[in-house]
Amino acid sequence: MNQGKIVAIITGAISIFLAVAYLVIVQLLDFRGEMIPAPTFDIIFNLC
């Protein structure tokens, strides 16, 4: 195999690994449940 094919295979493997890692991270964050915003309204009035 020439060097160009080796670089292409390594680059493709890294790309697939990053894509799978991204999907796993998204699934883990989605598994945590609904994102609820911070109660900024209550914090402002409790400081006064």
C-alpha atoms as a PDB file:
ATOM      1  CA  MET A   1       0.000   0.000   0.000  1.00  0.00           C
ATOM      2  CA  ASN A   2       1.235   3.460  -0.737  1.00  0.00           C
ATOM      3  CA  GLN A   3       1.388   6.209   1.849  1.00  0.00           C
ATOM      4  CA  GLY A   4      -1.701   8.016   0.518  1.00  0.00           C
ATOM      5  CA  LYS A   5      -3.952   5.017   1.141  1.00  0.00           C
ATOM      6  CA  ILE A   6      -2.599   4.588   4.667  1.00  0.00           C
ATOM      7  CA  VAL A   7      -3.268   8.239   5.478  1.00  0.00           C
ATOM      8  CA  ALA A   8      -6.781   7.959   4.012  1.00  0.00           C
ATOM      9  CA  ILE A   9      -7.572   4.867   6.090  1.00  0.00           C
ATOM     10  CA  ILE A  10      -6.239   6.450   9.291  1.00  0.00           C
ATOM     11  CA  THR A  11      -8.163   9.668   8.626  1.00  0.00           C
ATOM     12  CA  GLY A  12     -11.355   7.714   7.941  1.00  0.00           C
ATOM     13  CA  ALA A  13     -10.941   5.683  11.127  1.00  0.00           C
ATOM     14  CA  ILE A  14     -10.431   8.846  13.180  1.00  0.00           C
ATOM     15  CA  SER A  15     -13.505  10.402  11.567  1.00  0.00           C
ATOM     16  CA  ILE A  16     -15.672   7.377  12.339  1.00  0.00           C
ATOM     17  CA  PHE A  17     -14.367   7.289  15.923  1.00  0.00           C
ATOM     18  CA  LEU A  18     -15.185  10.976  16.444  1.00  0.00           C
ATOM     19  CA  ALA A  19     -18.670  10.512  14.977  1.00  0.00           C
ATOM     20  CA  VAL A  20     -19.428   7.559  17.258  1.00  0.00           C
ATOM     21  CA  ALA A  21     -18.020   9.401  20.288  1.00  0.00           C
ATOM     22  CA  TYR A  22     -20.210  12.405  19.460  1.00  0.00           C
ATOM     23  CA  LEU A  23     -23.312  10.232  19.216  1.00  0.00           C
ATOM     24  CA  VAL A  24     -22.499   8.565  22.552  1.00  0.00           C
ATOM     25  CA  ILE A  25     -22.041  11.945  24.261  1.00  0.00           C
ATOM     26  CA  VAL A  26     -25.321  13.238  22.821  1.00  0.00           C
ATOM     27  CA  GLN A  27     -27.154  10.117  23.993  1.00  0.00           C
ATOM     28  CA  LEU A  28     -25.680  10.431  27.499  1.00  0.00           C
ATOM     29  CA  LEU A  29     -26.686  14.079  27.736  1.00  0.00           C
ATOM     30  CA  ASP A  30     -30.161  13.293  26.387  1.00  0.00           C
ATOM     31  CA  PHE A  31     -30.541  10.441  28.889  1.00  0.00           C
ATOM     32  CA  ARG A  32     -30.233  12.925  31.773  1.00  0.00           C
ATOM     33  CA  GLY A  33     -33.717  14.230  31.045  1.00  0.00           C
ATOM     34  CA  GLU A  34     -35.273  17.523  30.200  1.00  0.00           C
ATOM     35  CA  MET A  35     -33.103  20.582  30.571  1.00  0.00           C
ATOM     36  CA  ILE A  36     -34.763  23.045  32.942  1.00  0.00           C
ATOM     37  CA  PRO A  37     -33.506  26.650  32.857  1.00  0.00           C
ATOM     38  CA  ALA A  38     -32.118  28.206  35.996  1.00  0.00           C
ATOM     39  CA  PRO A  39     -34.634  30.167  38.101  1.00  0.00           C
ATOM     40  CA  THR A  40     -33.131  33.602  37.407  1.00  0.00           C
ATOM     41  CA  PHE A  41     -36.330  35.441  38.382  1.00  0.00           C
ATOM     42  CA  ASP A  42     -36.259  34.078  41.943  1.00  0.00           C
ATOM     43  CA  ILE A  43     -32.534  34.726  42.355  1.00  0.00           C
ATOM     44  CA  ILE A  44     -32.896  38.408  41.452  1.00  0.00           C
ATOM     45  CA  PHE A  45     -35.660  39.050  43.983  1.00  0.00           C
ATOM     46  CA  ASN A  46     -34.034  37.023  46.767  1.00  0.00           C
ATOM     47  CA  LEU A  47     -30.924  39.219  46.575  1.00  0.00           C
ATOM     48  CA  CYS A  48     -32.907  42.433  47.150  1.00  0.00           C
END
